[in-house]
Every structure is written in C-alpha cells, then in structure tokens.
Amino acid sequence: MGWQGRDPSTDFRGAGFISLENLLFFAKTFSASFQRLVKKQCGNRATWEYPFAVAGVNITFMIMQMIDLQSSKPRTFVRAVFIQMLSEDEWAFDLLYCIAFIVMDKQWLDKNTSYMDFNEILKSTRVQLERELLLDGVMRIEDMPSYSLLC
C-alpha cells in the first residue's frame, strides 16, 4: 500500500488518526476508485510512483491546512464555505478527501510526473479544490465538478 516502513503507524505523524479514517472511508465508500488507485491500474505510470498510503496522509494534511482546521474562526472564504458544507453533511471532509485523492492522481498522470514532483502536484491539487469549492452553484461536495471522477 505504500507505507514508508515496517510500522505503518509512524506514517500518521503528519495528519494523525483522521488520515487512517480517510483511507478507510475511501476504501469502503468508493471501493472501485480506491482499488484502481491503490493498484495503479490507469494511465501511463512513472517508474518511481508515489507511495499510495503516504500520499493519502499528505492529502489529509493538505486539506486540514486548506480549511484551516486549527483555527476557531473562519479566516478564509474557502474555510467558511467548507464549514457550511460540513454543517449540512458530516461526511463532507471524507468526501473531499476522496475527491482530492482522485484529482491528485489525475494530475499526476496528466503531467506525467515522478516521485520528485509530488509536492508540486499536491499544491496544484489544492488550488483546483479551492477553485471548485468557490464556484457558483457548489453547495455540497457532490456539486464539485471533480466529484464525477469518483463515480
């Protein structure tokens, strides 16, 4: 699955237990998409791919930063929009995670990148998610254009 060592628990340092919950939610809720990603079945793959599980932890951490999870008050419009979505759907964070993983992998393939480009791909994934969250008519995670990549 792409753990960095023999003890997978050490990989959760950056985002904590929520990143494991995100991986499990993805595996259970969108099992076909999850399996396609974990087995790297689609597209022209680089010789040196990103480690799947560690990428998932990094995606959780990126989303936590994007929505400023540590803050008690909304300091960005993206956070305010997301908090509204979360108030109406308790699974909004998990769904956003699944979309982020799919978007990240799609950008990985579209840009024909390698492991050394992972941080750049993660940044461009964040930019795309922020842009989609702020689109007119996006009231729920399911309204985001990239949600269709999961189905």
C-alpha atoms as a PDB file:
ATOM      1  CA  MET A   1       0.000   0.000   0.000  1.00  0.00           C
ATOM      2  CA  GLY A   2       2.935   2.336   0.114  1.00  0.00           C
ATOM      3  CA  TRP A   3       3.958   2.641   3.752  1.00  0.00           C
ATOM      4  CA  GLN A   4       7.403   4.046   4.455  1.00  0.00           C
ATOM      5  CA  GLY A   5       8.499   1.347   6.888  1.00  0.00           C
ATOM      6  CA  ARG A   6       7.530  -1.835   8.704  1.00  0.00           C
ATOM      7  CA  ASP A   7       5.362   0.047  11.225  1.00  0.00           C
ATOM      8  CA  PRO A   8       2.622   1.959   9.353  1.00  0.00           C
ATOM      9  CA  SER A   9       1.666   3.898  12.495  1.00  0.00           C
ATOM     10  CA  THR A  10       4.766   6.075  12.078  1.00  0.00           C
ATOM     11  CA  ASP A  11       3.401   7.391   8.770  1.00  0.00           C
ATOM     12  CA  PHE A  12       0.438   9.022  10.507  1.00  0.00           C
ATOM     13  CA  ARG A  13       2.524  11.604  12.360  1.00  0.00           C
ATOM     14  CA  GLY A  14       1.625  14.434   9.961  1.00  0.00           C
ATOM     15  CA  ALA A  15      -2.152  14.161   9.966  1.00  0.00           C
ATOM     16  CA  GLY A  16      -2.948  11.739  12.760  1.00  0.00           C
ATOM     17  CA  PHE A  17      -5.706   9.187  13.051  1.00  0.00           C
ATOM     18  CA  ILE A  18      -8.038  11.109  10.740  1.00  0.00           C
ATOM     19  CA  SER A  19      -5.836  10.177   7.780  1.00  0.00           C
ATOM     20  CA  LEU A  20      -6.393   6.486   8.531  1.00  0.00           C
ATOM     21  CA  GLU A  21     -10.118   7.126   8.809  1.00  0.00           C
ATOM     22  CA  ASN A  22      -9.986   8.890   5.419  1.00  0.00           C
ATOM     23  CA  LEU A  23      -8.259   5.919   3.782  1.00  0.00           C
ATOM     24  CA  LEU A  24     -10.824   3.527   5.271  1.00  0.00           C
ATOM     25  CA  PHE A  25     -13.750   5.725   4.202  1.00  0.00           C
ATOM     26  CA  PHE A  26     -12.381   5.876   0.661  1.00  0.00           C
ATOM     27  CA  ALA A  27     -11.854   2.103   0.546  1.00  0.00           C
ATOM     28  CA  LYS A  28     -15.371   1.356   1.810  1.00  0.00           C
ATOM     29  CA  THR A  29     -17.365   4.078   0.059  1.00  0.00           C
ATOM     30  CA  PHE A  30     -15.702   4.198  -3.353  1.00  0.00           C
ATOM     31  CA  SER A  31     -14.068   0.783  -3.457  1.00  0.00           C
ATOM     32  CA  ALA A  32     -13.674   0.628  -7.258  1.00  0.00           C
ATOM     33  CA  SER A  33     -11.942   4.021  -7.389  1.00  0.00           C
ATOM     34  CA  PHE A  34      -9.839   3.123  -4.347  1.00  0.00           C
ATOM     35  CA  GLN A  35      -8.715  -0.186  -5.852  1.00  0.00           C
ATOM     36  CA  ARG A  36      -7.925   1.477  -9.170  1.00  0.00           C
ATOM     37  CA  LEU A  37      -5.641   3.931  -7.370  1.00  0.00           C
ATOM     38  CA  VAL A  38      -4.009   1.523  -4.938  1.00  0.00           C
ATOM     39  CA  LYS A  39      -3.220  -0.901  -7.756  1.00  0.00           C
ATOM     40  CA  LYS A  40      -2.206   1.973 -10.072  1.00  0.00           C
ATOM     41  CA  GLN A  41      -4.286   0.480 -12.883  1.00  0.00           C
ATOM     42  CA  CYS A  42      -4.940   3.516 -15.039  1.00  0.00           C
ATOM     43  CA  GLY A  43      -2.709   5.611 -17.237  1.00  0.00           C
ATOM     44  CA  ASN A  44       0.947   5.716 -18.126  1.00  0.00           C
ATOM     45  CA  ARG A  45       2.666   5.293 -14.782  1.00  0.00           C
ATOM     46  CA  ALA A  46       6.110   6.581 -13.868  1.00  0.00           C
ATOM     47  CA  THR A  47       8.796   4.100 -12.925  1.00  0.00           C
ATOM     48  CA  TRP A  48       9.052   5.686  -9.493  1.00  0.00           C
ATOM     49  CA  GLU A  49       5.464   6.225  -8.319  1.00  0.00           C
ATOM     50  CA  TYR A  50       4.178   7.990  -5.231  1.00  0.00           C
ATOM     51  CA  PRO A  51       3.633   5.696  -2.206  1.00  0.00           C
ATOM     52  CA  PHE A  52      -0.141   5.337  -2.023  1.00  0.00           C
ATOM     53  CA  ALA A  53      -0.740   5.335   1.736  1.00  0.00           C
ATOM     54  CA  VAL A  54       1.738   8.123   2.472  1.00  0.00           C
ATOM     55  CA  ALA A  55       0.145  10.167  -0.312  1.00  0.00           C
ATOM     56  CA  GLY A  56      -3.182   9.683   1.466  1.00  0.00           C
ATOM     57  CA  VAL A  57      -1.754  11.004   4.739  1.00  0.00           C
ATOM     58  CA  ASN A  58      -0.342  14.014   2.899  1.00  0.00           C
ATOM     59  CA  ILE A  59      -3.705  14.676   1.269  1.00  0.00           C
ATOM     60  CA  THR A  60      -5.424  14.690   4.664  1.00  0.00           C
ATOM     61  CA  PHE A  61      -2.826  17.140   5.966  1.00  0.00           C
ATOM     62  CA  MET A  62      -3.224  19.348   2.876  1.00  0.00           C
ATOM     63  CA  ILE A  63      -6.998  19.510   3.366  1.00  0.00           C
ATOM     64  CA  MET A  64      -6.549  20.308   7.064  1.00  0.00           C
ATOM     65  CA  GLN A  65      -4.329  23.242   6.073  1.00  0.00           C
ATOM     66  CA  MET A  66      -6.624  24.316   3.239  1.00  0.00           C
ATOM     67  CA  ILE A  67      -9.658  24.606   5.507  1.00  0.00           C
ATOM     68  CA  ASP A  68      -7.563  25.938   8.373  1.00  0.00           C
ATOM     69  CA  LEU A  69      -8.754  23.209  10.714  1.00  0.00           C
ATOM     70  CA  GLN A  70      -6.679  24.501  13.633  1.00  0.00           C
ATOM     71  CA  SER A  71      -8.453  27.877  13.712  1.00  0.00           C
ATOM     72  CA  SER A  72     -11.546  28.501  15.821  1.00  0.00           C
ATOM     73  CA  LYS A  73     -12.878  31.157  13.404  1.00  0.00           C
ATOM     74  CA  PRO A  74     -13.096  31.143   9.621  1.00  0.00           C
ATOM     75  CA  ARG A  75     -10.193  33.204   8.301  1.00  0.00           C
ATOM     76  CA  THR A  76     -10.639  32.309   4.651  1.00  0.00           C
ATOM     77  CA  PHE A  77     -13.623  32.128   2.365  1.00  0.00           C
ATOM     78  CA  VAL A  78     -12.748  28.524   1.443  1.00  0.00           C
ATOM     79  CA  ARG A  79     -12.954  27.599   5.118  1.00  0.00           C
ATOM     80  CA  ALA A  80     -16.283  29.388   5.557  1.00  0.00           C
ATOM     81  CA  VAL A  81     -17.733  27.599   2.523  1.00  0.00           C
ATOM     82  CA  PHE A  82     -16.454  24.248   3.708  1.00  0.00           C
ATOM     83  CA  ILE A  83     -17.736  24.727   7.283  1.00  0.00           C
ATOM     84  CA  GLN A  84     -21.195  25.412   5.821  1.00  0.00           C
ATOM     85  CA  MET A  85     -20.959  22.184   3.811  1.00  0.00           C
ATOM     86  CA  LEU A  86     -19.792  20.262   6.875  1.00  0.00           C
ATOM     87  CA  SER A  87     -22.707  21.597   8.927  1.00  0.00           C
ATOM     88  CA  GLU A  88     -25.072  20.006   6.421  1.00  0.00           C
ATOM     89  CA  ASP A  89     -23.136  16.787   5.750  1.00  0.00           C
ATOM     90  CA  GLU A  90     -20.995  15.098   8.402  1.00  0.00           C
ATOM     91  CA  TRP A  91     -19.110  13.220   5.655  1.00  0.00           C
ATOM     92  CA  ALA A  92     -18.016  16.367   3.780  1.00  0.00           C
ATOM     93  CA  PHE A  93     -14.381  16.094   4.935  1.00  0.00           C
ATOM     94  CA  ASP A  94     -14.170  12.424   3.936  1.00  0.00           C
ATOM     95  CA  LEU A  95     -15.787  13.094   0.566  1.00  0.00           C
ATOM     96  CA  LEU A  96     -13.428  15.994  -0.076  1.00  0.00           C
ATOM     97  CA  TYR A  97     -10.545  13.656   0.744  1.00  0.00           C
ATOM     98  CA  CYS A  98     -11.717  11.106  -1.837  1.00  0.00           C
ATOM     99  CA  ILE A  99     -12.054  13.802  -4.483  1.00  0.00           C
ATOM    100  CA  ALA A 100      -8.631  15.195  -3.590  1.00  0.00           C
ATOM    101  CA  PHE A 101      -7.005  11.782  -3.996  1.00  0.00           C
ATOM    102  CA  ILE A 102      -8.611  11.247  -7.401  1.00  0.00           C
ATOM    103  CA  VAL A 103      -7.685  14.782  -8.529  1.00  0.00           C
ATOM    104  CA  MET A 104      -4.113  14.349  -7.333  1.00  0.00           C
ATOM    105  CA  ASP A 105      -3.736  11.070  -9.217  1.00  0.00           C
ATOM    106  CA  LYS A 106      -5.300  12.552 -12.362  1.00  0.00           C
ATOM    107  CA  GLN A 107      -2.871  15.484 -12.257  1.00  0.00           C
ATOM    108  CA  TRP A 108      -0.042  13.024 -11.648  1.00  0.00           C
ATOM    109  CA  LEU A 109      -0.907  11.211 -14.847  1.00  0.00           C
ATOM    110  CA  ASP A 110      -1.806  14.293 -16.905  1.00  0.00           C
ATOM    111  CA  LYS A 111       1.517  15.963 -16.092  1.00  0.00           C
ATOM    112  CA  ASN A 112       3.494  12.717 -16.453  1.00  0.00           C
ATOM    113  CA  THR A 113       5.328  13.356 -13.202  1.00  0.00           C
ATOM    114  CA  SER A 114       7.581  11.321 -10.969  1.00  0.00           C
ATOM    115  CA  TYR A 115       8.018  10.986  -7.222  1.00  0.00           C
ATOM    116  CA  MET A 116      10.174  14.111  -7.033  1.00  0.00           C
ATOM    117  CA  ASP A 117       7.217  16.217  -8.235  1.00  0.00           C
ATOM    118  CA  PHE A 118       4.821  15.037  -5.517  1.00  0.00           C
ATOM    119  CA  ASN A 119       4.747  18.324  -3.549  1.00  0.00           C
ATOM    120  CA  GLU A 120       4.097  20.337  -6.696  1.00  0.00           C
ATOM    121  CA  ILE A 121       1.214  18.042  -7.652  1.00  0.00           C
ATOM    122  CA  LEU A 122      -0.196  18.323  -4.126  1.00  0.00           C
ATOM    123  CA  LYS A 123      -0.091  22.134  -4.387  1.00  0.00           C
ATOM    124  CA  SER A 124      -1.858  22.138  -7.748  1.00  0.00           C
ATOM    125  CA  THR A 125      -4.450  19.719  -6.325  1.00  0.00           C
ATOM    126  CA  ARG A 126      -5.137  22.158  -3.509  1.00  0.00           C
ATOM    127  CA  VAL A 127      -5.523  25.047  -5.960  1.00  0.00           C
ATOM    128  CA  GLN A 128      -8.020  23.054  -8.021  1.00  0.00           C
ATOM    129  CA  LEU A 129     -10.040  22.045  -4.951  1.00  0.00           C
ATOM    130  CA  GLU A 130     -10.148  25.616  -3.655  1.00  0.00           C
ATOM    131  CA  ARG A 131     -11.270  26.873  -7.064  1.00  0.00           C
ATOM    132  CA  GLU A 132     -14.034  24.239  -7.245  1.00  0.00           C
ATOM    133  CA  LEU A 133     -15.255  24.890  -3.703  1.00  0.00           C
ATOM    134  CA  LEU A 134     -15.740  28.558  -4.585  1.00  0.00           C
ATOM    135  CA  LEU A 135     -17.631  28.005  -7.837  1.00  0.00           C
ATOM    136  CA  ASP A 136     -21.159  29.373  -8.099  1.00  0.00           C
ATOM    137  CA  GLY A 137     -23.658  26.603  -7.530  1.00  0.00           C
ATOM    138  CA  VAL A 138     -21.357  24.424  -5.437  1.00  0.00           C
ATOM    139  CA  MET A 139     -23.359  23.994  -2.263  1.00  0.00           C
ATOM    140  CA  ARG A 140     -22.322  20.429  -1.424  1.00  0.00           C
ATOM    141  CA  ILE A 141     -19.193  18.373  -2.028  1.00  0.00           C
ATOM    142  CA  GLU A 142     -21.183  16.378  -4.579  1.00  0.00           C
ATOM    143  CA  ASP A 143     -21.649  19.584  -6.618  1.00  0.00           C
ATOM    144  CA  MET A 144     -17.924  19.947  -7.228  1.00  0.00           C
ATOM    145  CA  PRO A 145     -17.003  19.177 -10.865  1.00  0.00           C
ATOM    146  CA  SER A 146     -14.311  16.693  -9.777  1.00  0.00           C
ATOM    147  CA  TYR A 147     -16.841  14.634  -7.802  1.00  0.00           C
ATOM    148  CA  SER A 148     -17.797  12.981 -11.098  1.00  0.00           C
ATOM    149  CA  LEU A 149     -14.310  11.398 -11.203  1.00  0.00           C
ATOM    150  CA  LEU A 150     -15.377   9.168  -8.290  1.00  0.00           C
ATOM    151  CA  CYS A 151     -18.459   7.733  -9.915  1.00  0.00           C
END
